[in-house]
Amino acid sequence: MSKKLAKRGWGDPYECHFDWPENCFVQCGGSGIVFTKEGALETVLTAPEEGIKTISSALKSPSGPEHYVTAFFEAFPRDPSCFLRGEGKSIEEAEASCWEWYQRVVACGEHEFDRRGRRDGYGFCKKCNMGSMFAGPLDTCCVCNVPTCFAYDADQQAYCREHLQECPEEKRTRSIESTLRMMADGHL
């Protein structure tokens, strides 16, 4: 039986060393940037000059506390449905880390989820730390009252996709502005 191949952003697929389930999508890379400060990714996407500085700091200091570069391996099992990510000095090390976590998730049994302050329905198992959507969002659209976590204005009022354009301009955040641009361009 041939080994599962993990998709890479660049280059040939990576041949996995562990027996991932057939219906589990896997991907990897030798040098992914991890943004550890809240809002760093938004800055990279919406403020090019500041974004270049942020990426540059990660590349100059691969083991720095703010942002860093690492090899990674990501798995998206279907049973249970979740996202798992391993990091390491090499893809092989990252895959081993991810596989170890996957084994804890499978052995966990009945997961007990905690929102950990999140309002979007995503939670983490108290026993194995698996992250997954386990419930619906706690917030409702301020226009139509439908549960949503699509976007929040400067006052933390929620908007669903259908009503985001009704957000008053003076309450729009950079995130809302970039989401509206992506919607207008047909990317969302």
N, C-alpha and C. Protein backbone atom coordinates (compact mmCIF):
# COMPACT_ATOMS: atom_id res chain seq x y z
N MET A 1 0.84 -1.18 0.00
CA MET A 1 0.00 0.00 0.00
C MET A 1 0.88 1.24 0.00
N SER A 2 0.58 2.20 -0.87
CA SER A 2 1.41 3.39 -0.96
C SER A 2 1.07 4.36 0.17
N LYS A 3 2.04 5.14 0.54
CA LYS A 3 1.89 6.12 1.61
C LYS A 3 1.07 7.31 1.13
N LYS A 4 0.37 7.94 2.06
CA LYS A 4 -0.41 9.14 1.77
C LYS A 4 0.54 10.27 1.41
N LEU A 5 0.13 11.12 0.48
CA LEU A 5 0.92 12.27 0.07
C LEU A 5 0.29 13.55 0.62
N ALA A 6 1.11 14.38 1.24
CA ALA A 6 0.64 15.66 1.77
C ALA A 6 0.91 16.74 0.74
N LYS A 7 -0.08 17.57 0.52
CA LYS A 7 0.05 18.69 -0.42
C LYS A 7 1.01 19.73 0.15
N ARG A 8 1.87 20.23 -0.73
CA ARG A 8 2.78 21.33 -0.37
C ARG A 8 2.43 22.53 -1.24
N GLY A 9 2.63 23.72 -0.70
CA GLY A 9 2.39 24.93 -1.49
C GLY A 9 3.32 25.01 -2.69
N TRP A 10 4.57 24.61 -2.49
CA TRP A 10 5.55 24.60 -3.56
C TRP A 10 6.26 23.26 -3.55
N GLY A 11 6.58 22.79 -4.71
CA GLY A 11 7.34 21.54 -4.82
C GLY A 11 6.47 20.31 -4.86
N ASP A 12 7.15 19.19 -4.91
CA ASP A 12 6.47 17.90 -4.97
C ASP A 12 5.76 17.60 -3.65
N PRO A 13 4.73 16.76 -3.69
CA PRO A 13 4.05 16.37 -2.44
C PRO A 13 5.03 15.67 -1.50
N TYR A 14 4.72 15.74 -0.24
CA TYR A 14 5.53 15.11 0.81
C TYR A 14 4.93 13.73 1.11
N GLU A 15 5.77 12.69 1.13
CA GLU A 15 5.31 11.35 1.45
C GLU A 15 5.25 11.19 2.96
N CYS A 16 4.04 10.96 3.46
CA CYS A 16 3.82 10.86 4.91
C CYS A 16 4.50 9.62 5.50
N HIS A 17 4.91 9.74 6.75
CA HIS A 17 5.55 8.65 7.46
C HIS A 17 4.57 7.89 8.36
N PHE A 18 3.37 8.43 8.54
CA PHE A 18 2.38 7.79 9.40
C PHE A 18 1.15 7.43 8.57
N ASP A 19 0.35 6.52 9.10
CA ASP A 19 -0.82 6.00 8.37
C ASP A 19 -2.06 6.86 8.63
N TRP A 20 -2.09 8.03 8.01
CA TRP A 20 -3.24 8.92 8.14
C TRP A 20 -4.44 8.28 7.45
N PRO A 21 -5.65 8.49 7.99
CA PRO A 21 -6.85 7.91 7.35
C PRO A 21 -6.98 8.40 5.91
N GLU A 22 -7.56 7.58 5.08
CA GLU A 22 -7.70 7.90 3.66
C GLU A 22 -8.50 9.19 3.44
N ASN A 23 -9.54 9.42 4.26
CA ASN A 23 -10.38 10.60 4.07
C ASN A 23 -9.88 11.83 4.85
N CYS A 24 -8.63 11.80 5.30
CA CYS A 24 -8.03 12.90 6.05
C CYS A 24 -7.15 13.72 5.11
N PHE A 25 -7.51 14.97 4.86
CA PHE A 25 -6.68 15.84 4.03
C PHE A 25 -5.46 16.26 4.84
N VAL A 26 -4.28 16.23 4.23
CA VAL A 26 -3.05 16.66 4.90
C VAL A 26 -2.27 17.61 4.00
N GLN A 27 -1.63 18.59 4.63
CA GLN A 27 -0.79 19.54 3.89
C GLN A 27 0.38 19.93 4.78
N CYS A 28 1.43 20.44 4.15
CA CYS A 28 2.62 20.74 4.92
C CYS A 28 3.46 21.80 4.21
N GLY A 29 4.48 22.24 4.92
CA GLY A 29 5.42 23.18 4.35
C GLY A 29 6.67 23.25 5.19
N GLY A 30 7.76 23.62 4.56
CA GLY A 30 9.04 23.68 5.26
C GLY A 30 9.30 24.99 5.96
N SER A 31 8.51 26.02 5.65
CA SER A 31 8.77 27.32 6.28
C SER A 31 7.51 28.19 6.28
N GLY A 32 6.66 27.94 7.25
CA GLY A 32 5.45 28.75 7.41
C GLY A 32 5.68 29.84 8.44
N ILE A 33 5.10 31.01 8.20
CA ILE A 33 5.22 32.11 9.16
C ILE A 33 4.04 32.03 10.13
N VAL A 34 4.35 32.11 11.42
CA VAL A 34 3.33 32.11 12.46
C VAL A 34 3.29 33.51 13.07
N PHE A 35 2.11 34.14 13.03
CA PHE A 35 1.91 35.45 13.62
C PHE A 35 1.33 35.25 15.02
N THR A 36 2.04 35.73 16.03
CA THR A 36 1.60 35.49 17.40
C THR A 36 0.90 36.68 18.03
N LYS A 37 1.04 37.85 17.45
CA LYS A 37 0.37 39.03 18.00
C LYS A 37 -1.00 39.17 17.36
N GLU A 38 -2.01 39.49 18.18
CA GLU A 38 -3.36 39.68 17.66
C GLU A 38 -3.35 40.83 16.65
N GLY A 39 -3.99 40.60 15.53
CA GLY A 39 -4.09 41.63 14.50
C GLY A 39 -2.92 41.66 13.52
N ALA A 40 -1.89 40.84 13.74
CA ALA A 40 -0.72 40.87 12.86
C ALA A 40 -1.08 40.44 11.44
N LEU A 41 -1.86 39.39 11.30
CA LEU A 41 -2.24 38.93 9.96
C LEU A 41 -3.10 39.99 9.26
N GLU A 42 -4.01 40.60 9.98
CA GLU A 42 -4.83 41.66 9.39
C GLU A 42 -3.94 42.80 8.90
N THR A 43 -2.91 43.14 9.67
CA THR A 43 -1.97 44.19 9.26
C THR A 43 -1.26 43.80 7.97
N VAL A 44 -0.82 42.56 7.89
CA VAL A 44 -0.14 42.08 6.69
C VAL A 44 -1.06 42.20 5.46
N LEU A 45 -2.33 41.90 5.66
CA LEU A 45 -3.28 41.90 4.54
C LEU A 45 -3.79 43.28 4.15
N THR A 46 -3.81 44.21 5.12
CA THR A 46 -4.45 45.49 4.84
C THR A 46 -3.52 46.70 4.83
N ALA A 47 -2.33 46.57 5.40
CA ALA A 47 -1.39 47.69 5.45
C ALA A 47 -0.03 47.21 4.93
N PRO A 48 0.19 47.26 3.62
CA PRO A 48 1.37 46.65 3.02
C PRO A 48 2.71 47.05 3.65
N GLU A 49 2.94 48.32 3.95
CA GLU A 49 4.23 48.73 4.51
C GLU A 49 4.45 48.12 5.89
N GLU A 50 3.43 48.15 6.75
CA GLU A 50 3.54 47.55 8.07
C GLU A 50 3.63 46.03 7.95
N GLY A 51 2.90 45.47 6.98
CA GLY A 51 2.93 44.02 6.77
C GLY A 51 4.31 43.53 6.39
N ILE A 52 5.01 44.29 5.55
CA ILE A 52 6.37 43.93 5.16
C ILE A 52 7.28 43.93 6.38
N LYS A 53 7.13 44.91 7.27
CA LYS A 53 7.93 44.96 8.50
C LYS A 53 7.65 43.74 9.38
N THR A 54 6.37 43.36 9.49
CA THR A 54 5.99 42.21 10.31
C THR A 54 6.59 40.92 9.77
N ILE A 55 6.47 40.70 8.47
CA ILE A 55 7.03 39.50 7.85
C ILE A 55 8.54 39.51 7.96
N SER A 56 9.14 40.65 7.74
CA SER A 56 10.59 40.77 7.83
C SER A 56 11.08 40.42 9.23
N SER A 57 10.36 40.86 10.26
CA SER A 57 10.80 40.54 11.62
C SER A 57 10.73 39.03 11.88
N ALA A 58 9.73 38.36 11.31
CA ALA A 58 9.61 36.91 11.48
C ALA A 58 10.75 36.19 10.77
N LEU A 59 11.10 36.65 9.58
CA LEU A 59 12.16 36.00 8.80
C LEU A 59 13.54 36.24 9.42
N LYS A 60 13.75 37.38 10.02
CA LYS A 60 15.05 37.70 10.64
C LYS A 60 15.24 36.95 11.95
N SER A 61 14.14 36.69 12.64
CA SER A 61 14.23 36.07 13.96
C SER A 61 13.32 34.85 14.02
N PRO A 62 13.74 33.74 13.36
CA PRO A 62 12.87 32.57 13.26
C PRO A 62 12.45 31.99 14.61
N SER A 63 13.19 32.28 15.67
CA SER A 63 12.79 31.73 16.97
C SER A 63 12.31 32.83 17.90
N GLY A 64 12.03 34.00 17.34
CA GLY A 64 11.59 35.14 18.15
C GLY A 64 10.21 34.92 18.75
N PRO A 65 9.93 35.64 19.83
CA PRO A 65 8.66 35.46 20.52
C PRO A 65 7.46 36.08 19.80
N GLU A 66 7.68 37.09 18.96
CA GLU A 66 6.54 37.76 18.33
C GLU A 66 6.00 36.98 17.14
N HIS A 67 6.82 36.71 16.18
CA HIS A 67 6.44 35.97 14.98
C HIS A 67 7.61 35.05 14.66
N TYR A 68 7.31 33.90 14.06
CA TYR A 68 8.40 32.97 13.77
C TYR A 68 8.10 32.15 12.53
N VAL A 69 9.16 31.52 12.02
CA VAL A 69 9.08 30.66 10.85
C VAL A 69 9.31 29.23 11.33
N THR A 70 8.50 28.30 10.82
CA THR A 70 8.62 26.91 11.25
C THR A 70 8.16 25.97 10.14
N ALA A 71 8.66 24.76 10.18
CA ALA A 71 8.09 23.71 9.34
C ALA A 71 6.76 23.31 9.99
N PHE A 72 5.78 22.92 9.17
CA PHE A 72 4.47 22.58 9.73
C PHE A 72 3.86 21.41 8.97
N PHE A 73 2.94 20.75 9.65
CA PHE A 73 2.16 19.66 9.07
C PHE A 73 0.75 19.82 9.61
N GLU A 74 -0.23 19.88 8.71
CA GLU A 74 -1.61 20.08 9.13
C GLU A 74 -2.48 18.93 8.64
N ALA A 75 -3.36 18.48 9.51
CA ALA A 75 -4.27 17.37 9.19
C ALA A 75 -5.70 17.81 9.47
N PHE A 76 -6.60 17.37 8.59
CA PHE A 76 -8.02 17.69 8.71
C PHE A 76 -8.82 16.38 8.71
N PRO A 77 -8.77 15.64 9.83
CA PRO A 77 -9.53 14.38 9.87
C PRO A 77 -11.03 14.65 9.80
N ARG A 78 -11.77 13.65 9.35
CA ARG A 78 -13.23 13.76 9.28
C ARG A 78 -13.91 13.09 10.47
N ASP A 79 -13.21 12.17 11.14
CA ASP A 79 -13.81 11.47 12.27
C ASP A 79 -12.78 11.30 13.37
N PRO A 80 -12.76 12.22 14.32
CA PRO A 80 -13.64 13.37 14.46
C PRO A 80 -13.20 14.51 13.53
N SER A 81 -14.16 15.34 13.18
CA SER A 81 -13.90 16.47 12.30
C SER A 81 -13.17 17.56 13.09
N CYS A 82 -11.93 17.83 12.70
CA CYS A 82 -11.15 18.82 13.43
C CYS A 82 -9.96 19.28 12.60
N PHE A 83 -9.20 20.18 13.15
CA PHE A 83 -7.97 20.68 12.54
C PHE A 83 -6.84 20.43 13.52
N LEU A 84 -5.76 19.82 13.02
CA LEU A 84 -4.59 19.55 13.85
C LEU A 84 -3.36 20.10 13.15
N ARG A 85 -2.46 20.69 13.91
CA ARG A 85 -1.24 21.26 13.33
C ARG A 85 -0.06 20.89 14.20
N GLY A 86 0.97 20.37 13.55
CA GLY A 86 2.23 20.10 14.23
C GLY A 86 3.30 21.01 13.66
N GLU A 87 4.24 21.41 14.49
CA GLU A 87 5.35 22.24 14.06
C GLU A 87 6.66 21.57 14.45
N GLY A 88 7.72 21.93 13.76
CA GLY A 88 9.03 21.36 14.07
C GLY A 88 10.12 21.96 13.22
N LYS A 89 11.32 21.46 13.40
CA LYS A 89 12.47 21.93 12.63
C LYS A 89 12.43 21.42 11.20
N SER A 90 11.70 20.32 10.99
CA SER A 90 11.57 19.73 9.65
C SER A 90 10.12 19.29 9.48
N ILE A 91 9.74 19.01 8.25
CA ILE A 91 8.38 18.51 8.00
C ILE A 91 8.19 17.18 8.72
N GLU A 92 9.21 16.34 8.73
CA GLU A 92 9.12 15.04 9.40
C GLU A 92 8.82 15.22 10.88
N GLU A 93 9.52 16.16 11.52
CA GLU A 93 9.30 16.43 12.94
C GLU A 93 7.90 17.00 13.17
N ALA A 94 7.46 17.88 12.27
CA ALA A 94 6.13 18.47 12.38
C ALA A 94 5.05 17.40 12.20
N GLU A 95 5.25 16.47 11.25
CA GLU A 95 4.28 15.39 11.06
C GLU A 95 4.22 14.52 12.31
N ALA A 96 5.36 14.19 12.90
CA ALA A 96 5.38 13.36 14.11
C ALA A 96 4.62 14.04 15.25
N SER A 97 4.78 15.34 15.38
CA SER A 97 4.07 16.11 16.41
C SER A 97 2.56 16.08 16.15
N CYS A 98 2.17 16.25 14.90
CA CYS A 98 0.76 16.24 14.52
C CYS A 98 0.15 14.85 14.74
N TRP A 99 0.90 13.81 14.38
CA TRP A 99 0.42 12.43 14.55
C TRP A 99 0.21 12.11 16.03
N GLU A 100 1.14 12.57 16.86
CA GLU A 100 1.02 12.34 18.31
C GLU A 100 -0.27 12.98 18.84
N TRP A 101 -0.55 14.18 18.38
CA TRP A 101 -1.77 14.87 18.79
C TRP A 101 -3.00 14.11 18.28
N TYR A 102 -2.95 13.68 17.02
CA TYR A 102 -4.06 12.92 16.45
C TYR A 102 -4.33 11.66 17.28
N GLN A 103 -3.30 10.99 17.73
CA GLN A 103 -3.48 9.78 18.55
C GLN A 103 -4.17 10.12 19.87
N ARG A 104 -3.84 11.26 20.48
CA ARG A 104 -4.51 11.70 21.72
C ARG A 104 -5.99 11.99 21.44
N VAL A 105 -6.27 12.62 20.30
CA VAL A 105 -7.66 12.96 19.93
C VAL A 105 -8.48 11.68 19.75
N VAL A 106 -7.95 10.71 19.03
CA VAL A 106 -8.66 9.46 18.76
C VAL A 106 -8.89 8.68 20.06
N ALA A 107 -7.92 8.70 20.96
CA ALA A 107 -8.02 7.95 22.21
C ALA A 107 -8.88 8.67 23.26
N CYS A 108 -9.21 9.92 23.04
CA CYS A 108 -9.91 10.73 24.03
C CYS A 108 -11.28 10.18 24.38
N GLY A 109 -11.98 9.63 23.42
CA GLY A 109 -13.34 9.14 23.68
C GLY A 109 -14.34 10.26 23.49
N GLU A 110 -15.13 10.54 24.52
CA GLU A 110 -16.15 11.58 24.43
C GLU A 110 -15.54 12.93 24.77
N HIS A 111 -15.52 13.82 23.79
CA HIS A 111 -14.90 15.13 23.97
C HIS A 111 -15.80 16.05 24.80
N GLU A 112 -15.17 16.85 25.67
CA GLU A 112 -15.87 17.86 26.47
C GLU A 112 -15.35 19.21 26.02
N PHE A 113 -16.20 20.00 25.35
CA PHE A 113 -15.75 21.26 24.76
C PHE A 113 -15.93 22.45 25.68
N ASP A 114 -14.99 23.38 25.54
CA ASP A 114 -15.01 24.65 26.25
C ASP A 114 -14.74 25.73 25.22
N ARG A 115 -15.51 26.80 25.25
CA ARG A 115 -15.35 27.88 24.27
C ARG A 115 -14.07 28.69 24.48
N ARG A 116 -13.52 28.70 25.67
CA ARG A 116 -12.33 29.51 26.00
C ARG A 116 -12.49 30.96 25.56
N GLY A 117 -13.65 31.49 25.82
CA GLY A 117 -13.89 32.89 25.51
C GLY A 117 -14.35 33.16 24.08
N ARG A 118 -14.32 32.17 23.23
CA ARG A 118 -14.76 32.37 21.84
C ARG A 118 -16.28 32.41 21.77
N ARG A 119 -16.79 33.18 20.84
CA ARG A 119 -18.23 33.36 20.70
C ARG A 119 -18.75 32.75 19.40
N ASP A 120 -17.85 32.18 18.57
CA ASP A 120 -18.23 31.73 17.23
C ASP A 120 -18.68 30.28 17.13
N GLY A 121 -18.71 29.53 18.21
CA GLY A 121 -19.12 28.13 18.16
C GLY A 121 -17.95 27.17 18.14
N TYR A 122 -16.73 27.71 18.01
CA TYR A 122 -15.53 26.88 18.01
C TYR A 122 -15.13 26.66 19.47
N GLY A 123 -14.66 25.46 19.76
CA GLY A 123 -14.24 25.16 21.12
C GLY A 123 -13.11 24.16 21.13
N PHE A 124 -12.59 23.90 22.31
CA PHE A 124 -11.45 23.01 22.51
C PHE A 124 -11.82 21.97 23.56
N CYS A 125 -11.46 20.71 23.28
CA CYS A 125 -11.73 19.64 24.22
C CYS A 125 -10.88 19.86 25.47
N LYS A 126 -11.49 19.74 26.63
CA LYS A 126 -10.80 19.93 27.91
C LYS A 126 -9.78 18.83 28.17
N LYS A 127 -9.95 17.67 27.50
CA LYS A 127 -9.07 16.53 27.77
C LYS A 127 -7.92 16.40 26.77
N CYS A 128 -8.22 16.56 25.46
CA CYS A 128 -7.17 16.33 24.46
C CYS A 128 -6.80 17.59 23.67
N ASN A 129 -7.49 18.69 23.92
CA ASN A 129 -7.21 19.99 23.29
C ASN A 129 -7.58 20.05 21.81
N MET A 130 -8.36 19.09 21.33
CA MET A 130 -8.83 19.14 19.95
C MET A 130 -9.71 20.36 19.77
N GLY A 131 -9.53 21.08 18.66
CA GLY A 131 -10.36 22.22 18.35
C GLY A 131 -11.36 21.86 17.26
N SER A 132 -12.62 22.29 17.45
CA SER A 132 -13.64 21.97 16.46
C SER A 132 -14.85 22.88 16.67
N MET A 133 -15.64 23.04 15.60
CA MET A 133 -16.93 23.72 15.73
C MET A 133 -17.85 22.75 16.45
N PHE A 134 -18.33 23.12 17.62
CA PHE A 134 -19.19 22.21 18.37
C PHE A 134 -20.56 22.81 18.67
N ALA A 135 -20.73 24.09 18.41
CA ALA A 135 -22.00 24.75 18.70
C ALA A 135 -22.16 25.93 17.75
N GLY A 136 -23.29 26.56 17.80
CA GLY A 136 -23.53 27.74 16.99
C GLY A 136 -22.96 28.98 17.64
N PRO A 137 -22.91 30.08 16.89
CA PRO A 137 -22.41 31.33 17.46
C PRO A 137 -23.33 31.87 18.55
N LEU A 138 -22.76 32.61 19.49
CA LEU A 138 -23.54 33.20 20.57
C LEU A 138 -24.15 34.54 20.18
N ASP A 139 -23.57 35.19 19.16
CA ASP A 139 -24.04 36.52 18.77
C ASP A 139 -25.06 36.43 17.64
N THR A 140 -25.88 37.48 17.52
CA THR A 140 -26.85 37.55 16.43
C THR A 140 -26.65 38.85 15.66
N CYS A 141 -26.98 38.81 14.39
CA CYS A 141 -26.88 39.98 13.53
C CYS A 141 -27.74 41.11 14.10
N CYS A 142 -27.15 42.30 14.19
CA CYS A 142 -27.88 43.43 14.76
C CYS A 142 -28.98 43.93 13.83
N VAL A 143 -29.02 43.43 12.60
CA VAL A 143 -30.06 43.83 11.65
C VAL A 143 -31.20 42.81 11.62
N CYS A 144 -30.87 41.51 11.47
CA CYS A 144 -31.91 40.48 11.27
C CYS A 144 -32.05 39.48 12.41
N ASN A 145 -31.17 39.54 13.41
CA ASN A 145 -31.23 38.66 14.58
C ASN A 145 -30.88 37.20 14.31
N VAL A 146 -30.28 36.90 13.17
CA VAL A 146 -29.84 35.54 12.86
C VAL A 146 -28.49 35.30 13.54
N PRO A 147 -28.29 34.12 14.16
CA PRO A 147 -26.98 33.84 14.77
C PRO A 147 -25.85 33.97 13.74
N THR A 148 -24.78 34.68 14.12
CA THR A 148 -23.66 34.90 13.19
C THR A 148 -22.39 35.24 13.94
N CYS A 149 -21.29 35.03 13.28
CA CYS A 149 -19.98 35.50 13.74
C CYS A 149 -19.21 36.01 12.52
N PHE A 150 -19.94 36.41 11.49
CA PHE A 150 -19.31 36.79 10.22
C PHE A 150 -18.44 38.02 10.35
N ALA A 151 -18.94 39.09 11.00
CA ALA A 151 -18.16 40.33 11.14
C ALA A 151 -18.68 41.13 12.33
N TYR A 152 -17.77 41.92 12.90
CA TYR A 152 -18.11 42.77 14.05
C TYR A 152 -17.64 44.19 13.77
N ASP A 153 -18.48 45.16 14.16
CA ASP A 153 -18.09 46.56 13.96
C ASP A 153 -17.25 47.04 15.15
N ALA A 154 -16.91 48.33 15.14
CA ALA A 154 -16.06 48.91 16.18
C ALA A 154 -16.69 48.81 17.57
N ASP A 155 -18.03 48.70 17.64
CA ASP A 155 -18.73 48.55 18.92
C ASP A 155 -19.01 47.09 19.26
N GLN A 156 -18.43 46.17 18.50
CA GLN A 156 -18.59 44.72 18.67
C GLN A 156 -20.02 44.25 18.39
N GLN A 157 -20.75 44.97 17.56
CA GLN A 157 -22.05 44.50 17.11
C GLN A 157 -21.81 43.57 15.93
N ALA A 158 -22.56 42.46 15.91
CA ALA A 158 -22.37 41.45 14.88
C ALA A 158 -23.22 41.75 13.65
N TYR A 159 -22.65 41.37 12.48
CA TYR A 159 -23.37 41.49 11.20
C TYR A 159 -23.23 40.17 10.46
N CYS A 160 -24.33 39.71 9.87
CA CYS A 160 -24.27 38.53 9.02
C CYS A 160 -23.75 38.96 7.65
N ARG A 161 -23.43 38.01 6.82
CA ARG A 161 -22.91 38.30 5.47
C ARG A 161 -23.89 39.17 4.68
N GLU A 162 -25.17 38.83 4.77
CA GLU A 162 -26.19 39.53 4.00
C GLU A 162 -26.32 41.01 4.39
N HIS A 163 -26.06 41.34 5.66
CA HIS A 163 -26.28 42.71 6.13
C HIS A 163 -25.01 43.49 6.44
N LEU A 164 -23.85 42.94 6.11
CA LEU A 164 -22.60 43.64 6.43
C LEU A 164 -22.53 45.02 5.80
N GLN A 165 -23.05 45.17 4.60
CA GLN A 165 -22.99 46.47 3.93
C GLN A 165 -23.81 47.54 4.64
N GLU A 166 -24.69 47.13 5.55
CA GLU A 166 -25.49 48.09 6.31
C GLU A 166 -24.75 48.66 7.52
N CYS A 167 -23.56 48.17 7.77
CA CYS A 167 -22.76 48.69 8.88
C CYS A 167 -22.41 50.16 8.58
N PRO A 168 -22.73 51.09 9.49
CA PRO A 168 -22.41 52.50 9.25
C PRO A 168 -20.92 52.71 9.04
N GLU A 169 -20.55 53.57 8.12
CA GLU A 169 -19.14 53.79 7.78
C GLU A 169 -18.30 54.15 8.99
N GLU A 170 -18.83 54.95 9.90
CA GLU A 170 -18.05 55.39 11.07
C GLU A 170 -17.78 54.24 12.05
N LYS A 171 -18.47 53.11 11.90
CA LYS A 171 -18.25 51.95 12.78
C LYS A 171 -17.46 50.84 12.10
N ARG A 172 -17.10 51.03 10.83
CA ARG A 172 -16.39 49.98 10.09
C ARG A 172 -14.93 49.88 10.55
N THR A 173 -14.51 48.65 10.75
CA THR A 173 -13.12 48.37 11.10
C THR A 173 -12.34 48.06 9.82
N ARG A 174 -11.01 47.97 9.94
CA ARG A 174 -10.20 47.57 8.78
C ARG A 174 -10.62 46.20 8.29
N SER A 175 -10.97 45.32 9.22
CA SER A 175 -11.40 43.97 8.85
C SER A 175 -12.69 44.02 8.03
N ILE A 176 -13.64 44.83 8.45
CA ILE A 176 -14.90 44.96 7.70
C ILE A 176 -14.62 45.55 6.32
N GLU A 177 -13.78 46.57 6.26
CA GLU A 177 -13.45 47.18 4.97
C GLU A 177 -12.82 46.16 4.02
N SER A 178 -11.88 45.36 4.52
CA SER A 178 -11.23 44.38 3.64
C SER A 178 -12.22 43.27 3.25
N THR A 179 -13.11 42.88 4.16
CA THR A 179 -14.13 41.88 3.84
C THR A 179 -15.07 42.40 2.76
N LEU A 180 -15.49 43.66 2.88
CA LEU A 180 -16.38 44.24 1.86
C LEU A 180 -15.68 44.32 0.51
N ARG A 181 -14.37 44.65 0.49
CA ARG A 181 -13.62 44.67 -0.78
C ARG A 181 -13.55 43.28 -1.38
N MET A 182 -13.27 42.28 -0.55
CA MET A 182 -13.19 40.91 -1.05
C MET A 182 -14.54 40.43 -1.58
N MET A 183 -15.61 40.82 -0.93
CA MET A 183 -16.96 40.46 -1.40
C MET A 183 -17.23 41.14 -2.74
N ALA A 184 -16.87 42.41 -2.85
CA ALA A 184 -17.10 43.16 -4.10
C ALA A 184 -16.29 42.56 -5.25
N ASP A 185 -15.10 42.04 -4.93
CA ASP A 185 -14.24 41.43 -5.96
C ASP A 185 -14.61 40.00 -6.27
N GLY A 186 -15.62 39.47 -5.57
CA GLY A 186 -16.06 38.10 -5.81
C GLY A 186 -15.22 37.04 -5.14
N HIS A 187 -14.40 37.43 -4.15
CA HIS A 187 -13.53 36.46 -3.46
C HIS A 187 -14.20 35.84 -2.23
N LEU A 188 -15.33 36.36 -1.83
CA LEU A 188 -16.05 35.79 -0.68
C LEU A 188 -17.51 35.55 -1.03
